[in-house]
Amino acid sequence: MMAQRTVIIIGPAHPLRGGLASFNERLARAFMHIGYDVTICTFTLQYPEFLFPGTTQYSEEPAPADLKILPMINSVNPLNWLLTGKKLRHLRADLIVVRYWLPFMGPALGTILRQVKKNSHTRIVCIADNVIPHEKRIGDKAFTRYFLKPVDAFITMSNKVLSDLRQFTTKPAQCVSHPLYDNFGIPVSMAEARSHLHLPADKRILLFFGFIRKYKGLDWLLEAMHILKLHAEKHPDFEMPILVIAGEYYEDPKPYETLLNTLRLHDSVILHTQFITDSEVKYFLCAADAVVQPYKNATQSGVTPLAYHFEIPMIVTRVGGLPDMVPDEKTGLIAEPTPSSIAECIIRFYRMNRERMVQGLQEEKKKYSWQNLIDAIHQLK
């Protein structure tokens, strides 16, 4: 009888929270579904507290009972990197899938993988979320080069990241669309979602979802909301939508609070600026007419596959990999990266047939399976 094949996923997982942890746990289940023995190797210390922009790195939800998760990696302790690498080397997994999203992780992960390579058995495939980060810092390129060297092959989830990767390496790489986040429960009705969140049942509602960072363009969206407010004053037949902002500040909130005051938007904006737990995600998505992603720059976004899963139309800016996943007028609308264009798209959205877009989402989402990602990893092996 053939031995069961083994895979180790290196990256965030419970008790750490956030999109990367959710992705890694869902990927583990996809491998388990086809018969792999899967272990997730996560962090005992991911970021020192003074480097972490949010309130906490840790989830309050129970650990997933079906997954084997080993907290092993201290991101700032070189001795730990060597010991962890030695342990993983001796495990002799057939495959390691490692996440790379920030150059800060380059020294730790690069050292661990160098130790693993000494067993001359384990194949290492990286899923690169970013190669060139949104917010640049000294040492980024050196840390990234150090990380990339022991990796055998790469998966990216946008052509932008693949292009960035090609500035560093010619190793095998493939671009695969971000799979659907289908691990946040089944959709609920709009009425149930709005009732659960105490949102008005009969108003137009737009959603900005996810961590609040400069590159995500929330300031542009607030300026667009001001444009819509002026438009509504001139055109009484236009119903002003409410914007729900759901996500934790990962930077100083004062500039946004100033904008809200200056543009007098408090009657048109509802703030849920805390971390949204996994169990609450479906309510925010299902309460919205559309999700707006007003990004100033982007590689790909985890919000897009989330919107696909819950079949919520999207309004995205024409930056990075966002337009690749949102066929214009089929699953959403594509705006130019300016507040005025975002506002124009919102007006146009409310003139269109939303149900036709939902049908487009149902058709298009079939492309974004976890099996596609696993097939690509196997091809690169």
Protein backbone atom coordinates (compact mmCIF):
# COMPACT_ATOMS: atom_id res chain seq x y z
CA MET A 1 0.00 0.00 0.00
CA MET A 2 1.28 3.44 -0.97
CA ALA A 3 2.21 5.76 1.92
CA GLN A 4 -0.07 8.75 2.45
CA ARG A 5 1.39 11.88 0.89
CA THR A 6 2.20 14.69 3.29
CA VAL A 7 2.01 18.44 2.97
CA ILE A 8 3.03 21.17 5.41
CA ILE A 9 1.52 24.63 5.00
CA ILE A 10 3.69 27.38 6.49
CA GLY A 11 1.83 30.56 7.39
CA PRO A 12 -0.72 32.11 9.75
CA ALA A 13 -3.45 29.90 11.23
CA HIS A 14 -5.49 29.73 14.44
CA PRO A 15 -5.06 31.20 17.03
CA LEU A 16 -3.93 33.96 14.65
CA ARG A 17 -6.78 35.68 12.86
CA GLY A 18 -7.37 37.33 9.50
CA GLY A 19 -7.59 36.51 5.82
CA LEU A 20 -4.29 34.63 5.55
CA ALA A 21 -5.22 32.34 8.42
CA SER A 22 -8.65 31.67 6.90
CA PHE A 23 -7.05 30.94 3.51
CA ASN A 24 -4.47 28.54 4.94
CA GLU A 25 -7.05 26.63 6.94
CA ARG A 26 -9.33 26.33 3.88
CA LEU A 27 -6.37 25.20 1.74
CA ALA A 28 -5.53 22.54 4.34
CA ARG A 29 -9.05 21.15 4.06
CA ALA A 30 -8.80 21.12 0.27
CA PHE A 31 -5.63 19.00 0.48
CA MET A 32 -7.23 16.74 3.10
CA HIS A 33 -10.23 16.24 0.81
CA ILE A 34 -7.99 14.55 -1.77
CA GLY A 35 -6.23 12.36 0.78
CA TYR A 36 -3.18 14.30 1.98
CA ASP A 37 -1.92 14.24 5.55
CA VAL A 38 -1.78 17.98 6.27
CA THR A 39 -0.09 20.02 8.99
CA ILE A 40 -0.13 23.80 9.26
CA CYS A 41 3.06 25.23 10.75
CA THR A 42 2.17 28.63 12.14
CA PHE A 43 3.67 31.28 14.41
CA THR A 44 4.22 31.42 18.14
CA LEU A 45 5.10 35.06 17.47
CA GLN A 46 4.02 36.57 14.15
CA TYR A 47 4.68 40.27 14.76
CA PRO A 48 6.09 42.00 17.81
CA GLU A 49 3.21 44.00 19.30
CA PHE A 50 4.82 47.36 18.47
CA LEU A 51 4.81 46.44 14.76
CA PHE A 52 1.22 45.23 14.66
CA PRO A 53 -1.22 47.95 13.54
CA GLY A 54 -4.45 46.41 14.85
CA THR A 55 -5.82 45.74 18.32
CA THR A 56 -4.89 42.06 18.57
CA GLN A 57 -3.40 39.36 16.38
CA TYR A 58 -5.44 36.60 17.98
CA SER A 59 -8.86 35.12 17.33
CA GLU A 60 -11.43 34.66 20.08
CA GLU A 61 -13.14 31.88 18.12
CA PRO A 62 -12.53 28.20 18.97
CA ALA A 63 -9.72 26.31 17.26
CA PRO A 64 -10.80 24.23 14.25
CA ALA A 65 -11.17 20.67 15.51
CA ASP A 66 -10.46 19.06 12.14
CA LEU A 67 -7.03 20.61 11.51
CA LYS A 68 -3.53 19.82 12.77
CA ILE A 69 -1.97 23.22 13.59
CA LEU A 70 1.49 23.49 15.14
CA PRO A 71 2.58 26.93 16.42
CA MET A 72 6.36 26.80 15.90
CA ILE A 73 7.79 29.95 14.29
CA ASN A 74 9.07 33.03 16.12
CA SER A 75 9.50 35.65 13.40
CA VAL A 76 12.27 37.56 15.23
CA ASN A 77 14.34 34.77 16.81
CA PRO A 78 17.11 33.39 14.51
CA LEU A 79 17.76 30.42 16.81
CA ASN A 80 14.11 29.45 16.49
CA TRP A 81 14.37 29.63 12.68
CA LEU A 82 17.22 27.11 12.70
CA LEU A 83 15.47 24.76 15.15
CA THR A 84 12.15 24.97 13.28
CA GLY A 85 13.90 24.36 9.97
CA LYS A 86 15.65 21.31 11.43
CA LYS A 87 12.35 19.88 12.73
CA LEU A 88 10.65 20.37 9.38
CA ARG A 89 13.66 18.89 7.56
CA HIS A 90 13.35 15.68 9.60
CA LEU A 91 9.60 15.45 8.95
CA ARG A 92 10.45 14.99 5.23
CA ALA A 93 7.09 16.21 3.94
CA ASP A 94 6.52 15.55 0.25
CA LEU A 95 5.44 19.17 -0.20
CA ILE A 96 5.71 22.44 1.67
CA VAL A 97 3.38 25.26 0.66
CA VAL A 98 4.65 28.52 2.14
CA ARG A 99 2.86 31.86 2.15
CA TYR A 100 4.80 35.06 1.42
CA TRP A 101 3.03 38.36 1.97
CA LEU A 102 5.56 40.70 3.60
CA PRO A 103 9.35 41.14 3.32
CA PHE A 104 9.54 41.27 7.13
CA MET A 105 8.98 37.50 7.02
CA GLY A 106 11.81 36.92 4.54
CA PRO A 107 14.66 36.23 7.00
CA ALA A 108 12.65 33.80 9.16
CA LEU A 109 11.01 31.86 6.33
CA GLY A 110 14.11 31.94 4.13
CA THR A 111 16.24 30.44 6.91
CA ILE A 112 13.67 27.76 7.74
CA LEU A 113 13.39 26.71 4.10
CA ARG A 114 17.17 26.53 3.68
CA GLN A 115 17.23 23.99 6.48
CA VAL A 116 14.39 22.00 4.92
CA LYS A 117 16.17 21.82 1.55
CA LYS A 118 18.96 19.81 3.17
CA ASN A 119 16.74 16.71 3.20
CA SER A 120 16.85 16.60 -0.65
CA HIS A 121 13.25 15.40 -0.66
CA THR A 122 10.74 18.13 0.15
CA ARG A 123 9.43 20.21 -2.75
CA ILE A 124 8.76 23.86 -1.78
CA VAL A 125 6.03 25.88 -3.50
CA CYS A 126 5.34 29.47 -2.45
CA ILE A 127 1.97 31.19 -2.71
CA ALA A 128 3.07 34.80 -3.10
CA ASP A 129 0.43 37.32 -2.09
CA ASN A 130 2.84 40.21 -2.55
CA VAL A 131 6.43 40.35 -3.73
CA ILE A 132 6.75 44.13 -3.78
CA PRO A 133 4.76 45.37 -0.76
CA HIS A 134 2.11 48.09 -0.80
CA GLU A 135 4.02 50.09 1.80
CA LYS A 136 7.75 50.03 1.04
CA ARG A 137 10.50 49.90 3.66
CA ILE A 138 14.29 49.72 3.71
CA GLY A 139 15.50 46.15 3.26
CA ASP A 140 12.44 44.91 1.34
CA LYS A 141 14.35 43.73 -1.74
CA ALA A 142 17.16 42.06 0.22
CA PHE A 143 14.69 40.20 2.48
CA THR A 144 12.63 39.08 -0.52
CA ARG A 145 15.68 37.83 -2.44
CA TYR A 146 16.79 35.88 0.64
CA PHE A 147 13.37 34.25 0.93
CA LEU A 148 13.01 33.37 -2.76
CA LYS A 149 16.27 31.44 -3.12
CA PRO A 150 15.29 28.10 -1.48
CA VAL A 151 11.81 28.06 -3.08
CA ASP A 152 11.33 25.69 -6.05
CA ALA A 153 8.24 27.24 -7.67
CA PHE A 154 5.61 29.93 -7.17
CA ILE A 155 1.88 30.51 -7.34
CA THR A 156 0.59 34.08 -7.65
CA MET A 157 -3.02 35.16 -7.60
CA SER A 158 -2.69 38.12 -9.94
CA ASN A 159 -0.67 38.96 -13.02
CA LYS A 160 0.64 42.02 -11.18
CA VAL A 161 2.35 39.84 -8.55
CA LEU A 162 3.65 37.50 -11.27
CA SER A 163 5.18 40.51 -13.04
CA ASP A 164 6.74 41.69 -9.75
CA LEU A 165 8.09 38.18 -9.13
CA ARG A 166 9.79 38.17 -12.53
CA GLN A 167 11.94 41.10 -11.37
CA PHE A 168 13.55 38.68 -8.90
CA THR A 169 13.50 35.16 -10.37
CA THR A 170 12.87 33.06 -13.47
CA LYS A 171 11.87 29.93 -11.49
CA PRO A 172 8.62 28.16 -12.49
CA ALA A 173 5.55 30.20 -11.62
CA GLN A 174 1.86 30.19 -12.45
CA CYS A 175 -0.94 32.68 -11.90
CA VAL A 176 -4.13 31.17 -10.45
CA SER A 177 -7.25 33.11 -9.49
CA HIS A 178 -7.85 33.48 -5.76
CA PRO A 179 -10.27 30.68 -4.78
CA LEU A 180 -13.62 31.49 -3.22
CA TYR A 181 -13.80 32.08 0.50
CA ASP A 182 -16.56 29.51 0.98
CA ASN A 183 -15.73 28.85 4.63
CA PHE A 184 -17.77 31.70 6.13
CA GLY A 185 -21.12 29.94 6.00
CA ILE A 186 -23.95 29.94 3.51
CA PRO A 187 -25.59 33.21 2.43
CA VAL A 188 -28.52 34.58 4.41
CA SER A 189 -31.27 36.80 3.02
CA MET A 190 -30.70 40.53 2.81
CA ALA A 191 -33.57 41.06 5.24
CA GLU A 192 -32.09 38.67 7.81
CA ALA A 193 -28.61 40.20 7.46
CA ARG A 194 -29.87 43.74 7.92
CA SER A 195 -32.03 42.76 10.88
CA HIS A 196 -29.06 41.01 12.53
CA LEU A 197 -26.87 44.12 12.10
CA HIS A 198 -29.67 46.58 12.97
CA LEU A 199 -29.42 48.20 9.55
CA PRO A 200 -32.39 49.84 7.82
CA ALA A 201 -34.35 47.31 5.79
CA ASP A 202 -35.53 49.73 3.10
CA LYS A 203 -32.40 51.78 2.32
CA ARG A 204 -29.68 51.43 -0.28
CA ILE A 205 -26.56 50.05 1.40
CA LEU A 206 -22.98 49.89 0.13
CA LEU A 207 -20.19 48.04 1.94
CA PHE A 208 -16.51 48.77 2.42
CA PHE A 209 -15.08 45.62 3.98
CA GLY A 210 -11.70 44.73 5.44
CA PHE A 211 -8.75 46.25 7.25
CA ILE A 212 -8.49 50.00 6.70
CA ARG A 213 -5.14 50.96 5.18
CA LYS A 214 -4.11 53.88 2.97
CA TYR A 215 -3.80 51.89 -0.25
CA LYS A 216 -7.40 50.69 0.05
CA GLY A 217 -8.72 54.15 -0.76
CA LEU A 218 -11.40 54.61 1.88
CA ASP A 219 -10.73 58.37 1.73
CA TRP A 220 -11.62 58.29 -1.99
CA LEU A 221 -14.83 56.45 -1.19
CA LEU A 222 -15.78 59.05 1.43
CA GLU A 223 -15.14 61.78 -1.12
CA ALA A 224 -17.30 59.85 -3.58
CA MET A 225 -20.06 59.70 -0.97
CA HIS A 226 -19.87 63.50 -0.69
CA ILE A 227 -20.26 63.76 -4.48
CA LEU A 228 -23.30 61.49 -4.24
CA LYS A 229 -24.74 63.70 -1.51
CA LEU A 230 -24.44 66.77 -3.75
CA HIS A 231 -25.95 64.77 -6.62
CA ALA A 232 -28.92 63.78 -4.43
CA GLU A 233 -29.52 67.42 -3.50
CA LYS A 234 -29.73 68.33 -7.20
CA HIS A 235 -31.69 65.22 -8.23
CA PRO A 236 -34.42 64.46 -5.67
CA ASP A 237 -35.26 61.23 -7.53
CA PHE A 238 -31.83 59.79 -6.59
CA GLU A 239 -31.91 57.94 -3.28
CA MET A 240 -28.69 58.53 -1.33
CA PRO A 241 -27.13 55.20 -0.26
CA ILE A 242 -25.72 54.45 3.18
CA LEU A 243 -22.10 53.32 3.37
CA VAL A 244 -21.29 50.64 5.95
CA ILE A 245 -17.58 50.55 6.82
CA ALA A 246 -16.78 47.16 8.34
CA GLY A 247 -13.18 46.55 9.36
CA GLU A 248 -10.48 47.49 11.79
CA TYR A 249 -8.25 50.54 11.40
CA TYR A 250 -4.70 49.49 10.59
CA GLU A 251 -3.55 53.10 10.73
CA ASP A 252 -4.44 56.39 12.39
CA PRO A 253 -8.23 56.88 12.16
CA LYS A 254 -8.04 60.67 12.55
CA PRO A 255 -7.80 61.54 8.81
CA TYR A 256 -10.97 59.53 8.16
CA GLU A 257 -12.77 61.04 11.13
CA THR A 258 -11.79 64.50 9.85
CA LEU A 259 -13.17 63.66 6.40
CA LEU A 260 -16.44 62.45 7.90
CA ASN A 261 -16.79 65.73 9.77
CA THR A 262 -15.62 68.01 6.96
CA LEU A 263 -17.85 66.36 4.35
CA ARG A 264 -20.77 66.06 6.80
CA LEU A 265 -21.29 62.40 6.09
CA HIS A 266 -22.33 61.09 9.51
CA ASP A 267 -25.92 60.60 8.39
CA SER A 268 -24.76 58.55 5.39
CA VAL A 269 -22.04 56.38 6.97
CA ILE A 270 -22.33 53.60 9.56
CA LEU A 271 -19.08 52.56 11.25
CA HIS A 272 -18.24 49.04 12.40
CA THR A 273 -14.53 49.71 12.78
CA GLN A 274 -13.62 46.64 14.79
CA PHE A 275 -12.32 43.28 13.64
CA ILE A 276 -15.15 41.36 11.98
CA THR A 277 -15.20 37.80 13.32
CA ASP A 278 -15.65 34.89 10.94
CA SER A 279 -19.17 34.21 12.20
CA GLU A 280 -20.27 37.79 11.41
CA VAL A 281 -18.79 38.06 7.90
CA LYS A 282 -21.84 36.66 6.09
CA TYR A 283 -24.15 39.25 7.64
CA PHE A 284 -22.12 42.23 6.43
CA LEU A 285 -21.79 40.86 2.90
CA CYS A 286 -25.40 39.77 2.58
CA ALA A 287 -26.73 43.10 3.91
CA ALA A 288 -25.16 45.05 1.03
CA ASP A 289 -26.42 45.94 -2.43
CA ALA A 290 -22.78 46.03 -3.53
CA VAL A 291 -19.24 45.89 -2.15
CA VAL A 292 -17.02 48.85 -3.07
CA GLN A 293 -13.26 48.35 -3.37
CA PRO A 294 -11.87 51.83 -4.07
CA TYR A 295 -8.22 50.75 -3.96
CA LYS A 296 -5.40 53.10 -4.95
CA ASN A 297 -3.12 50.18 -5.74
CA ALA A 298 -3.64 46.45 -5.46
CA THR A 299 -2.26 43.04 -6.28
CA GLN A 300 -5.40 41.02 -5.62
CA SER A 301 -7.99 41.22 -2.89
CA GLY A 302 -9.47 38.61 -0.60
CA VAL A 303 -12.68 40.67 -0.52
CA THR A 304 -13.40 39.82 -4.17
CA PRO A 305 -13.67 36.03 -3.71
CA LEU A 306 -15.70 36.71 -0.58
CA ALA A 307 -18.17 38.77 -2.63
CA TYR A 308 -18.29 36.00 -5.23
CA HIS A 309 -19.15 33.41 -2.60
CA PHE A 310 -22.03 35.49 -1.24
CA GLU A 311 -22.98 36.65 -4.77
CA ILE A 312 -22.72 40.38 -4.02
CA PRO A 313 -21.93 42.70 -6.97
CA MET A 314 -18.72 44.73 -6.77
CA ILE A 315 -17.58 48.21 -7.70
CA VAL A 316 -13.78 48.17 -8.02
CA THR A 317 -11.14 50.56 -9.26
CA ARG A 318 -9.02 49.84 -12.31
CA VAL A 319 -5.81 49.03 -10.42
CA GLY A 320 -3.63 45.93 -10.11
CA GLY A 321 -5.43 42.62 -10.44
CA LEU A 322 -8.90 43.85 -9.40
CA PRO A 323 -10.40 44.27 -12.90
CA ASP A 324 -9.23 40.77 -13.90
CA MET A 325 -11.73 39.20 -11.49
CA VAL A 326 -14.65 41.59 -12.06
CA PRO A 327 -15.96 41.49 -15.65
CA ASP A 328 -17.42 44.95 -16.21
CA GLU A 329 -21.23 45.04 -16.12
CA LYS A 330 -21.39 41.26 -15.58
CA THR A 331 -20.37 40.84 -11.93
CA GLY A 332 -19.85 44.50 -11.08
CA LEU A 333 -18.54 47.79 -12.38
CA ILE A 334 -15.00 49.07 -12.88
CA ALA A 335 -14.27 52.67 -11.94
CA GLU A 336 -11.23 54.73 -12.72
CA PRO A 337 -9.17 55.34 -9.56
CA THR A 338 -10.73 58.72 -8.71
CA PRO A 339 -13.52 59.71 -6.30
CA SER A 340 -15.62 61.17 -9.16
CA SER A 341 -15.45 57.95 -11.20
CA ILE A 342 -16.31 55.86 -8.13
CA ALA A 343 -19.34 58.09 -7.54
CA GLU A 344 -20.39 57.79 -11.20
CA CYS A 345 -20.19 54.00 -11.01
CA ILE A 346 -22.34 53.94 -7.88
CA ILE A 347 -24.99 56.04 -9.63
CA ARG A 348 -24.79 53.75 -12.68
CA PHE A 349 -25.00 50.65 -10.49
CA TYR A 350 -28.33 51.75 -9.04
CA ARG A 351 -29.71 52.29 -12.55
CA MET A 352 -28.82 48.73 -13.59
CA ASN A 353 -30.50 45.37 -13.03
CA ARG A 354 -28.83 43.98 -9.90
CA GLU A 355 -30.36 40.53 -10.39
CA ARG A 356 -28.62 40.23 -13.75
CA MET A 357 -25.30 40.87 -12.00
CA VAL A 358 -26.13 38.23 -9.39
CA GLN A 359 -26.70 35.77 -12.25
CA GLY A 360 -23.32 36.82 -13.68
CA LEU A 361 -21.69 36.17 -10.30
CA GLN A 362 -23.25 32.71 -10.12
CA GLU A 363 -21.80 31.84 -13.51
CA GLU A 364 -18.38 33.45 -13.07
CA LYS A 365 -17.71 32.01 -9.59
CA LYS A 366 -17.46 28.50 -11.04
CA LYS A 367 -13.92 29.39 -12.16
CA TYR A 368 -12.63 29.99 -8.65
CA SER A 369 -12.31 26.54 -7.08
CA TRP A 370 -9.77 25.31 -4.55
CA GLN A 371 -9.12 22.32 -6.78
CA ASN A 372 -7.80 24.67 -9.48
CA LEU A 373 -5.22 25.95 -7.00
CA ILE A 374 -4.17 22.46 -5.91
CA ASP A 375 -3.93 21.34 -9.56
CA ALA A 376 -1.61 24.26 -10.28
CA ILE A 377 0.58 23.40 -7.27
CA HIS A 378 0.82 19.81 -8.53
CA GLN A 379 1.73 20.97 -12.04
CA LEU A 380 4.56 23.07 -10.65
CA LYS A 381 5.93 20.07 -8.78
